[in-house]
PDB file of N, CA and C in Angstrom:
ATOM      1  N   MET A   1     115.194   6.151  88.339  1.00  0.00           N
ATOM      2  CA  MET A   1     113.991   5.753  87.648  1.00  0.00           C
ATOM      3  C   MET A   1     114.034   4.242  87.427  1.00  0.00           C
ATOM      4  N   VAL A   2     112.908   3.606  87.638  1.00  0.00           N
ATOM      5  CA  VAL A   2     112.794   2.168  87.441  1.00  0.00           C
ATOM      6  C   VAL A   2     112.618   1.884  85.961  1.00  0.00           C
ATOM      7  N   LYS A   3     113.432   0.994  85.437  1.00  0.00           N
ATOM      8  CA  LYS A   3     113.289   0.620  84.029  1.00  0.00           C
ATOM      9  C   LYS A   3     112.347  -0.566  83.941  1.00  0.00           C
ATOM     10  N   ARG A   4     111.320  -0.411  83.104  1.00  0.00           N
ATOM     11  CA  ARG A   4     110.352  -1.475  82.894  1.00  0.00           C
ATOM     12  C   ARG A   4     110.342  -1.826  81.426  1.00  0.00           C
ATOM     13  N   PRO A   5     110.012  -3.050  81.100  1.00  0.00           N
ATOM     14  CA  PRO A   5     109.881  -3.380  79.682  1.00  0.00           C
ATOM     15  C   PRO A   5     108.719  -2.604  79.080  1.00  0.00           C
ATOM     16  N   LEU A   6     108.793  -2.353  77.794  1.00  0.00           N
ATOM     17  CA  LEU A   6     107.736  -1.594  77.128  1.00  0.00           C
ATOM     18  C   LEU A   6     106.552  -2.459  76.744  1.00  0.00           C
ATOM     19  N   TYR A   7     106.643  -3.757  76.946  1.00  0.00           N
ATOM     20  CA  TYR A   7     105.547  -4.644  76.591  1.00  0.00           C
ATOM     21  C   TYR A   7     105.224  -5.528  77.776  1.00  0.00           C
ATOM     22  N   TYR A   8     103.981  -5.568  78.156  1.00  0.00           N
ATOM     23  CA  TYR A   8     103.514  -6.435  79.223  1.00  0.00           C
ATOM     24  C   TYR A   8     102.501  -7.390  78.638  1.00  0.00           C
ATOM     25  N   PRO A   9     102.826  -8.673  78.553  1.00  0.00           N
ATOM     26  CA  PRO A   9     101.829  -9.605  78.035  1.00  0.00           C
ATOM     27  C   PRO A   9     100.693  -9.727  79.038  1.00  0.00           C
ATOM     28  N   LEU A  10      99.486  -9.541  78.582  1.00  0.00           N
ATOM     29  CA  LEU A  10      98.330  -9.612  79.468  1.00  0.00           C
ATOM     30  C   LEU A  10      97.693 -10.985  79.355  1.00  0.00           C
ATOM     31  N   THR A  11      97.785 -11.747  80.416  1.00  0.00           N
ATOM     32  CA  THR A  11      97.147 -13.050  80.454  1.00  0.00           C
ATOM     33  C   THR A  11      96.318 -13.118  81.714  1.00  0.00           C
ATOM     34  N   LEU A  12      95.151 -13.650  81.587  1.00  0.00           N
ATOM     35  CA  LEU A  12      94.245 -13.732  82.716  1.00  0.00           C
ATOM     36  C   LEU A  12      94.263 -15.126  83.318  1.00  0.00           C
ATOM     37  N   SER A  13      94.071 -15.199  84.614  1.00  0.00           N
ATOM     38  CA  SER A  13      93.988 -16.503  85.269  1.00  0.00           C
ATOM     39  C   SER A  13      92.681 -17.170  84.846  1.00  0.00           C
ATOM     40  N   PRO A  14      92.570 -18.492  84.991  1.00  0.00           N
ATOM     41  CA  PRO A  14      91.333 -19.185  84.589  1.00  0.00           C
ATOM     42  C   PRO A  14      90.085 -18.611  85.251  1.00  0.00           C
ATOM     43  N   LEU A  15      90.174 -18.228  86.516  1.00  0.00           N
ATOM     44  CA  LEU A  15      89.011 -17.655  87.200  1.00  0.00           C
ATOM     45  C   LEU A  15      88.589 -16.356  86.530  1.00  0.00           C
ATOM     46  N   ASN A  16      89.555 -15.494  86.246  1.00  0.00           N
ATOM     47  CA  ASN A  16      89.235 -14.208  85.654  1.00  0.00           C
ATOM     48  C   ASN A  16      88.800 -14.318  84.197  1.00  0.00           C
ATOM     49  N   LYS A  17      89.188 -15.385  83.494  1.00  0.00           N
ATOM     50  CA  LYS A  17      88.746 -15.546  82.111  1.00  0.00           C
ATOM     51  C   LYS A  17      87.237 -15.704  82.046  1.00  0.00           C
ATOM     52  N   GLU A  18      86.679 -16.335  83.082  1.00  0.00           N
ATOM     53  CA  GLU A  18      85.221 -16.503  83.109  1.00  0.00           C
ATOM     54  C   GLU A  18      84.538 -15.196  83.484  1.00  0.00           C
ATOM     55  N   ASN A  19      85.051 -14.515  84.486  1.00  0.00           N
ATOM     56  CA  ASN A  19      84.396 -13.324  85.011  1.00  0.00           C
ATOM     57  C   ASN A  19      84.827 -12.044  84.309  1.00  0.00           C
ATOM     58  N   LEU A  20      86.054 -12.010  83.819  1.00  0.00           N
ATOM     59  CA  LEU A  20      86.641 -10.825  83.210  1.00  0.00           C
ATOM     60  C   LEU A  20      86.573  -9.607  84.127  1.00  0.00           C
ATOM     61  N   ILE A  21      86.594  -9.865  85.430  1.00  0.00           N
ATOM     62  CA  ILE A  21      86.583  -8.798  86.426  1.00  0.00           C
ATOM     63  C   ILE A  21      87.803  -8.994  87.321  1.00  0.00           C
ATOM     64  N   MET A  22      88.538  -7.922  87.552  1.00  0.00           N
ATOM     65  CA  MET A  22      89.750  -7.998  88.367  1.00  0.00           C
ATOM     66  C   MET A  22      89.728  -6.914  89.428  1.00  0.00           C
ATOM     67  N   ASN A  23      90.405  -7.186  90.531  1.00  0.00           N
ATOM     68  CA  ASN A  23      90.579  -6.131  91.530  1.00  0.00           C
ATOM     69  C   ASN A  23      91.837  -5.346  91.184  1.00  0.00           C
ATOM     70  N   ILE A  24      92.153  -4.352  91.976  1.00  0.00           N
ATOM     71  CA  ILE A  24      93.275  -3.478  91.640  1.00  0.00           C
ATOM     72  C   ILE A  24      94.614  -4.217  91.685  1.00  0.00           C
ATOM     73  N   GLY A  25      94.737  -5.204  92.550  1.00  0.00           N
ATOM     74  CA  GLY A  25      95.966  -5.986  92.606  1.00  0.00           C
ATOM     75  C   GLY A  25      96.176  -6.813  91.348  1.00  0.00           C
ATOM     76  N   ASP A  26      95.091  -7.410  90.857  1.00  0.00           N
ATOM     77  CA  ASP A  26      95.173  -8.197  89.621  1.00  0.00           C
ATOM     78  C   ASP A  26      95.571  -7.323  88.441  1.00  0.00           C
ATOM     79  N   VAL A  27      94.900  -6.185  88.301  1.00  0.00           N
ATOM     80  CA  VAL A  27      95.172  -5.322  87.153  1.00  0.00           C
ATOM     81  C   VAL A  27      96.549  -4.669  87.275  1.00  0.00           C
ATOM     82  N   ALA A  28      97.011  -4.442  88.489  1.00  0.00           N
ATOM     83  CA  ALA A  28      98.366  -3.909  88.679  1.00  0.00           C
ATOM     84  C   ALA A  28      99.400  -4.925  88.206  1.00  0.00           C
ATOM     85  N   ALA A  29      99.191  -6.189  88.547  1.00  0.00           N
ATOM     86  CA  ALA A  29     100.125  -7.234  88.125  1.00  0.00           C
ATOM     87  C   ALA A  29     100.115  -7.399  86.609  1.00  0.00           C
ATOM     88  N   LEU A  30      98.948  -7.319  86.002  1.00  0.00           N
ATOM     89  CA  LEU A  30      98.850  -7.488  84.554  1.00  0.00           C
ATOM     90  C   LEU A  30      99.411  -6.305  83.779  1.00  0.00           C
ATOM     91  N   SER A  31      99.184  -5.119  84.282  1.00  0.00           N
ATOM     92  CA  SER A  31      99.598  -3.919  83.541  1.00  0.00           C
ATOM     93  C   SER A  31     101.034  -3.507  83.843  1.00  0.00           C
ATOM     94  N   GLY A  32     101.580  -3.982  84.956  1.00  0.00           N
ATOM     95  CA  GLY A  32     102.930  -3.586  85.342  1.00  0.00           C
ATOM     96  C   GLY A  32     102.982  -2.242  86.043  1.00  0.00           C
ATOM     97  N   LEU A  33     101.829  -1.717  86.432  1.00  0.00           N
ATOM     98  CA  LEU A  33     101.766  -0.426  87.113  1.00  0.00           C
ATOM     99  C   LEU A  33     101.463  -0.622  88.596  1.00  0.00           C
ATOM    100  N   PRO A  34     102.012   0.214  89.461  1.00  0.00           N
ATOM    101  CA  PRO A  34     101.648   0.141  90.877  1.00  0.00           C
ATOM    102  C   PRO A  34     100.196   0.560  91.089  1.00  0.00           C
ATOM    103  N   ALA A  35      99.579   0.015  92.129  1.00  0.00           N
ATOM    104  CA  ALA A  35      98.193   0.350  92.450  1.00  0.00           C
ATOM    105  C   ALA A  35      98.027   1.858  92.661  1.00  0.00           C
ATOM    106  N   LYS A  36      99.017   2.496  93.255  1.00  0.00           N
ATOM    107  CA  LYS A  36      98.952   3.948  93.495  1.00  0.00           C
ATOM    108  C   LYS A  36      98.837   4.717  92.174  1.00  0.00           C
ATOM    109  N   THR A  37      99.566   4.279  91.156  1.00  0.00           N
ATOM    110  CA  THR A  37      99.496   4.922  89.845  1.00  0.00           C
ATOM    111  C   THR A  37      98.132   4.700  89.211  1.00  0.00           C
ATOM    112  N   ILE A  38      97.590   3.512  89.369  1.00  0.00           N
ATOM    113  CA  ILE A  38      96.262   3.212  88.821  1.00  0.00           C
ATOM    114  C   ILE A  38      95.215   4.105  89.481  1.00  0.00           C
ATOM    115  N   ARG A  39      95.318   4.300  90.791  1.00  0.00           N
ATOM    116  CA  ARG A  39      94.381   5.195  91.486  1.00  0.00           C
ATOM    117  C   ARG A  39      94.535   6.635  90.988  1.00  0.00           C
ATOM    118  N   TYR A  40      95.771   7.050  90.739  1.00  0.00           N
ATOM    119  CA  TYR A  40      96.017   8.394  90.211  1.00  0.00           C
ATOM    120  C   TYR A  40      95.390   8.541  88.827  1.00  0.00           C
ATOM    121  N   TYR A  41      95.589   7.545  87.960  1.00  0.00           N
ATOM    122  CA  TYR A  41      94.994   7.603  86.621  1.00  0.00           C
ATOM    123  C   TYR A  41      93.469   7.664  86.699  1.00  0.00           C
ATOM    124  N   GLU A  42      92.889   7.023  87.703  1.00  0.00           N
ATOM    125  CA  GLU A  42      91.445   7.134  87.904  1.00  0.00           C
ATOM    126  C   GLU A  42      91.083   8.557  88.345  1.00  0.00           C
ATOM    127  N   ASP A  43      91.846   9.119  89.263  1.00  0.00           N
ATOM    128  CA  ASP A  43      91.576  10.476  89.765  1.00  0.00           C
ATOM    129  C   ASP A  43      91.618  11.518  88.656  1.00  0.00           C
ATOM    130  N   VAL A  44      92.549  11.352  87.696  1.00  0.00           N
ATOM    131  CA  VAL A  44      92.660  12.335  86.616  1.00  0.00           C
ATOM    132  C   VAL A  44      91.777  11.981  85.421  1.00  0.00           C
ATOM    133  N   GLY A  45      91.018  10.887  85.525  1.00  0.00           N
ATOM    134  CA  GLY A  45      90.032  10.557  84.497  1.00  0.00           C
ATOM    135  C   GLY A  45      90.539   9.752  83.313  1.00  0.00           C
ATOM    136  N   LEU A  46      91.716   9.137  83.433  1.00  0.00           N
ATOM    137  CA  LEU A  46      92.226   8.330  82.321  1.00  0.00           C
ATOM    138  C   LEU A  46      91.588   6.948  82.263  1.00  0.00           C
ATOM    139  N   VAL A  47      91.184   6.423  83.402  1.00  0.00           N
ATOM    140  CA  VAL A  47      90.450   5.154  83.453  1.00  0.00           C
ATOM    141  C   VAL A  47      89.250   5.332  84.366  1.00  0.00           C
ATOM    142  N   LYS A  48      88.223   4.571  84.094  1.00  0.00           N
ATOM    143  CA  LYS A  48      87.003   4.644  84.904  1.00  0.00           C
ATOM    144  C   LYS A  48      86.554   3.233  85.262  1.00  0.00           C
ATOM    145  N   PRO A  49      87.163   2.654  86.319  1.00  0.00           N
ATOM    146  CA  PRO A  49      86.760   1.301  86.707  1.00  0.00           C
ATOM    147  C   PRO A  49      85.343   1.290  87.269  1.00  0.00           C
ATOM    148  N   LEU A  50      84.732   0.141  87.196  1.00  0.00           N
ATOM    149  CA  LEU A  50      83.421  -0.039  87.821  1.00  0.00           C
ATOM    150  C   LEU A  50      83.623  -0.076  89.332  1.00  0.00           C
ATOM    151  N   ARG A  51      82.554   0.095  90.072  1.00  0.00           N
ATOM    152  CA  ARG A  51      82.603  -0.034  91.530  1.00  0.00           C
ATOM    153  C   ARG A  51      81.616  -1.108  91.947  1.00  0.00           C
ATOM    154  N   SER A  52      82.058  -1.998  92.827  1.00  0.00           N
ATOM    155  CA  SER A  52      81.163  -3.021  93.350  1.00  0.00           C
ATOM    156  C   SER A  52      80.282  -2.399  94.429  1.00  0.00           C
ATOM    157  N   THR A  53      79.334  -3.154  94.922  1.00  0.00           N
ATOM    158  CA  THR A  53      78.407  -2.618  95.923  1.00  0.00           C
ATOM    159  C   THR A  53      79.120  -2.197  97.202  1.00  0.00           C
ATOM    160  N   ASN A  54      80.271  -2.823  97.486  1.00  0.00           N
ATOM    161  CA  ASN A  54      81.021  -2.428  98.687  1.00  0.00           C
ATOM    162  C   ASN A  54      82.017  -1.298  98.413  1.00  0.00           C
ATOM    163  N   GLY A  55      82.010  -0.759  97.182  1.00  0.00           N
ATOM    164  CA  GLY A  55      82.853   0.381  96.851  1.00  0.00           C
ATOM    165  C   GLY A  55      84.210   0.037  96.270  1.00  0.00           C
ATOM    166  N   TYR A  56      84.534  -1.257  96.192  1.00  0.00           N
ATOM    167  CA  TYR A  56      85.826  -1.649  95.629  1.00  0.00           C
ATOM    168  C   TYR A  56      85.845  -1.424  94.126  1.00  0.00           C
ATOM    169  N   ARG A  57      87.014  -1.076  93.614  1.00  0.00           N
ATOM    170  CA  ARG A  57      87.186  -0.937  92.167  1.00  0.00           C
ATOM    171  C   ARG A  57      87.179  -2.323  91.534  1.00  0.00           C
ATOM    172  N   THR A  58      86.484  -2.457  90.429  1.00  0.00           N
ATOM    173  CA  THR A  58      86.537  -3.692  89.651  1.00  0.00           C
ATOM    174  C   THR A  58      86.911  -3.314  88.232  1.00  0.00           C
ATOM    175  N   PHE A  59      87.926  -3.970  87.716  1.00  0.00           N
ATOM    176  CA  PHE A  59      88.476  -3.650  86.408  1.00  0.00           C
ATOM    177  C   PHE A  59      88.136  -4.741  85.411  1.00  0.00           C
ATOM    178  N   ARG A  60      87.865  -4.326  84.193  1.00  0.00           N
ATOM    179  CA  ARG A  60      87.613  -5.258  83.104  1.00  0.00           C
ATOM    180  C   ARG A  60      88.915  -5.494  82.341  1.00  0.00           C
ATOM    181  N   GLU A  61      88.892  -6.464  81.454  1.00  0.00           N
ATOM    182  CA  GLU A  61      90.066  -6.751  80.636  1.00  0.00           C
ATOM    183  C   GLU A  61      90.464  -5.518  79.826  1.00  0.00           C
ATOM    184  N   SER A  62      89.481  -4.770  79.333  1.00  0.00           N
ATOM    185  CA  SER A  62      89.778  -3.562  78.552  1.00  0.00           C
ATOM    186  C   SER A  62      90.502  -2.519  79.405  1.00  0.00           C
ATOM    187  N   ASP A  63      90.175  -2.441  80.685  1.00  0.00           N
ATOM    188  CA  ASP A  63      90.879  -1.521  81.583  1.00  0.00           C
ATOM    189  C   ASP A  63      92.350  -1.924  81.729  1.00  0.00           C
ATOM    190  N   ALA A  64      92.601  -3.227  81.839  1.00  0.00           N
ATOM    191  CA  ALA A  64      93.979  -3.709  81.973  1.00  0.00           C
ATOM    192  C   ALA A  64      94.790  -3.363  80.726  1.00  0.00           C
ATOM    193  N   HIS A  65      94.189  -3.525  79.551  1.00  0.00           N
ATOM    194  CA  HIS A  65      94.888  -3.182  78.314  1.00  0.00           C
ATOM    195  C   HIS A  65      95.154  -1.681  78.231  1.00  0.00           C
ATOM    196  N   LYS A  66      94.172  -0.884  78.633  1.00  0.00           N
ATOM    197  CA  LYS A  66      94.342   0.567  78.596  1.00  0.00           C
ATOM    198  C   LYS A  66      95.441   1.006  79.570  1.00  0.00           C
ATOM    199  N   LEU A  67      95.470   0.422  80.746  1.00  0.00           N
ATOM    200  CA  LEU A  67      96.498   0.766  81.725  1.00  0.00           C
ATOM    201  C   LEU A  67      97.886   0.368  81.239  1.00  0.00           C
ATOM    202  N   ALA A  68      98.008  -0.787  80.607  1.00  0.00           N
ATOM    203  CA  ALA A  68      99.301  -1.201  80.058  1.00  0.00           C
ATOM    204  C   ALA A  68      99.744  -0.222  78.975  1.00  0.00           C
ATOM    205  N   PHE A  69      98.796   0.200  78.137  1.00  0.00           N
ATOM    206  CA  PHE A  69      99.100   1.182  77.091  1.00  0.00           C
ATOM    207  C   PHE A  69      99.549   2.506  77.707  1.00  0.00           C
ATOM    208  N   LEU A  70      98.853   2.950  78.750  1.00  0.00           N
ATOM    209  CA  LEU A  70      99.229   4.190  79.429  1.00  0.00           C
ATOM    210  C   LEU A  70     100.621   4.074  80.036  1.00  0.00           C
ATOM    211  N   GLY A  71     100.933   2.937  80.624  1.00  0.00           N
ATOM    212  CA  GLY A  71     102.258   2.730  81.196  1.00  0.00           C
ATOM    213  C   GLY A  71     103.351   2.807  80.135  1.00  0.00           C
ATOM    214  N   ARG A  72     103.100   2.183  78.987  1.00  0.00           N
ATOM    215  CA  ARG A  72     104.079   2.244  77.897  1.00  0.00           C
ATOM    216  C   ARG A  72     104.210   3.667  77.371  1.00  0.00           C
ATOM    217  N   SER A  73     103.085   4.353  77.226  1.00  0.00           N
ATOM    218  CA  SER A  73     103.105   5.727  76.718  1.00  0.00           C
ATOM    219  C   SER A  73     103.885   6.652  77.642  1.00  0.00           C
ATOM    220  N   ARG A  74     103.644   6.521  78.939  1.00  0.00           N
ATOM    221  CA  ARG A  74     104.360   7.368  79.902  1.00  0.00           C
ATOM    222  C   ARG A  74     105.852   7.036  79.899  1.00  0.00           C
ATOM    223  N   ALA A  75     106.192   5.750  79.750  1.00  0.00           N
ATOM    224  CA  ALA A  75     107.600   5.351  79.711  1.00  0.00           C
ATOM    225  C   ALA A  75     108.298   5.927  78.478  1.00  0.00           C
ATOM    226  N   LEU A  76     107.537   6.153  77.423  1.00  0.00           N
ATOM    227  CA  LEU A  76     108.099   6.729  76.205  1.00  0.00           C
ATOM    228  C   LEU A  76     108.158   8.258  76.251  1.00  0.00           C
ATOM    229  N   GLY A  77     107.654   8.847  77.339  1.00  0.00           N
ATOM    230  CA  GLY A  77     107.771  10.289  77.515  1.00  0.00           C
ATOM    231  C   GLY A  77     106.524  11.103  77.230  1.00  0.00           C
ATOM    232  N   PHE A  78     105.398  10.443  76.955  1.00  0.00           N
ATOM    233  CA  PHE A  78     104.159  11.181  76.720  1.00  0.00           C
ATOM    234  C   PHE A  78     103.644  11.747  78.050  1.00  0.00           C
ATOM    235  N   SER A  79     103.108  12.949  77.998  1.00  0.00           N
ATOM    236  CA  SER A  79     102.537  13.570  79.199  1.00  0.00           C
ATOM    237  C   SER A  79     101.145  12.988  79.461  1.00  0.00           C
ATOM    238  N   ILE A  80     100.605  13.313  80.624  1.00  0.00           N
ATOM    239  CA  ILE A  80      99.241  12.884  80.957  1.00  0.00           C
ATOM    240  C   ILE A  80      98.264  13.430  79.922  1.00  0.00           C
ATOM    241  N   GLU A  81      98.429  14.702  79.552  1.00  0.00           N
ATOM    242  CA  GLU A  81      97.538  15.300  78.555  1.00  0.00           C
ATOM    243  C   GLU A  81      97.690  14.627  77.202  1.00  0.00           C
ATOM    244  N   ASP A  82      98.928  14.291  76.828  1.00  0.00           N
ATOM    245  CA  ASP A  82      99.148  13.557  75.576  1.00  0.00           C
ATOM    246  C   ASP A  82      98.406  12.225  75.626  1.00  0.00           C
ATOM    247  N   CYS A  83      98.516  11.525  76.749  1.00  0.00           N
ATOM    248  CA  CYS A  83      97.846  10.228  76.895  1.00  0.00           C
ATOM    249  C   CYS A  83      96.333  10.374  76.825  1.00  0.00           C
ATOM    250  N   ARG A  84      95.829  11.456  77.354  1.00  0.00           N
ATOM    251  CA  ARG A  84      94.387  11.687  77.308  1.00  0.00           C
ATOM    252  C   ARG A  84      93.901  11.811  75.868  1.00  0.00           C
ATOM    253  N   ASN A  85      94.755  12.335  74.981  1.00  0.00           N
ATOM    254  CA  ASN A  85      94.375  12.570  73.588  1.00  0.00           C
ATOM    255  C   ASN A  85      94.703  11.395  72.657  1.00  0.00           C
ATOM    256  N   LEU A  86      95.439  10.387  73.165  1.00  0.00           N
ATOM    257  CA  LEU A  86      95.799   9.253  72.322  1.00  0.00           C
ATOM    258  C   LEU A  86      94.618   8.333  72.079  1.00  0.00           C
TER     259      LEU A  86
END
Protein backbone atom coordinates (compact mmCIF):
# COMPACT_ATOMS: atom_id res chain seq x y z
CA MET A 1 0.00 0.00 0.00
CA VAL A 2 1.25 3.47 -0.87
CA LYS A 3 1.58 5.74 2.13
CA ARG A 4 0.37 9.26 1.49
CA PRO A 5 0.27 12.21 3.82
CA LEU A 6 -3.14 12.86 5.34
CA TYR A 7 -3.04 16.53 4.38
CA TYR A 8 -2.70 17.92 0.88
CA PRO A 9 -2.35 21.68 0.70
CA LEU A 10 -4.52 22.87 -2.15
CA THR A 11 -3.01 25.76 -4.05
CA LEU A 12 -4.09 26.86 -7.46
CA SER A 13 -1.86 28.17 -10.21
CA PRO A 14 -2.37 31.83 -11.21
CA LEU A 15 -4.28 30.79 -14.34
CA ASN A 16 -6.66 28.59 -12.39
CA LYS A 17 -7.21 31.23 -9.70
CA GLU A 18 -8.95 33.34 -12.32
CA ASN A 19 -10.95 30.55 -13.91
CA LEU A 20 -11.34 28.18 -10.95
CA ILE A 21 -11.70 25.39 -13.52
CA MET A 22 -9.29 22.46 -13.66
CA ASN A 23 -8.92 19.38 -15.79
CA ILE A 24 -8.52 15.93 -14.28
CA GLY A 25 -4.72 16.18 -14.26
CA ASP A 26 -4.81 19.44 -12.31
CA VAL A 27 -7.27 18.15 -9.74
CA ALA A 28 -5.34 14.88 -9.42
CA ALA A 29 -2.17 16.81 -8.60
CA LEU A 30 -3.98 19.01 -6.08
CA SER A 31 -5.89 16.25 -4.34
CA GLY A 32 -3.12 13.64 -4.35
CA LEU A 33 -5.41 11.08 -5.99
CA PRO A 34 -4.76 9.25 -9.27
CA ALA A 35 -6.99 10.20 -12.20
CA LYS A 36 -8.33 6.62 -12.26
CA THR A 37 -9.57 6.99 -8.67
CA ILE A 38 -11.20 10.32 -9.49
CA ARG A 39 -13.04 8.68 -12.41
CA TYR A 40 -14.15 5.87 -10.09
CA TYR A 41 -15.45 8.37 -7.52
CA GLU A 42 -17.42 10.01 -10.33
CA ASP A 43 -18.83 6.62 -11.43
CA VAL A 44 -20.07 5.85 -7.91
CA GLY A 45 -21.53 9.35 -7.50
CA LEU A 46 -19.17 10.83 -4.91
CA VAL A 47 -18.22 13.75 -7.16
CA LYS A 48 -20.03 15.30 -10.08
CA PRO A 49 -17.66 17.33 -12.25
CA LEU A 50 -18.99 19.60 -14.95
CA ARG A 51 -18.53 18.58 -18.58
CA SER A 52 -17.25 20.92 -21.25
CA THR A 53 -18.80 20.99 -24.72
CA ASN A 54 -16.19 18.48 -25.92
CA GLY A 55 -17.08 16.09 -23.07
CA TYR A 56 -14.00 16.67 -20.93
CA ARG A 57 -14.42 16.77 -17.17
CA THR A 58 -13.93 20.20 -15.65
CA PHE A 59 -13.45 20.45 -11.91
CA ARG A 60 -14.05 23.40 -9.63
CA GLU A 61 -12.03 24.29 -6.55
CA SER A 62 -14.79 22.75 -4.40
CA ASP A 63 -14.36 19.45 -6.27
CA ALA A 64 -10.62 19.47 -5.50
CA HIS A 65 -11.32 20.02 -1.80
CA LYS A 66 -13.93 17.26 -1.77
CA LEU A 67 -11.56 14.83 -3.50
CA ALA A 68 -8.77 15.61 -1.04
CA PHE A 69 -11.22 15.00 1.82
CA LEU A 70 -12.29 11.69 0.25
CA GLY A 71 -8.66 10.65 -0.13
CA ARG A 72 -7.96 11.39 3.53
CA SER A 73 -11.15 9.61 4.62
CA ARG A 74 -10.31 6.49 2.63
CA ALA A 75 -6.74 6.53 3.99
CA LEU A 76 -8.22 6.55 7.49
CA GLY A 77 -10.26 3.44 6.70
CA PHE A 78 -13.70 4.84 5.87
CA SER A 79 -15.65 2.83 3.29
CA ILE A 80 -17.16 4.33 0.14
CA GLU A 81 -20.58 4.21 1.82
CA ASP A 82 -19.18 5.91 4.92
CA CYS A 83 -17.73 8.65 2.70
CA ARG A 84 -21.06 9.07 0.96
CA ASN A 85 -22.67 9.81 4.35
CA LEU A 86 -19.95 12.18 5.64
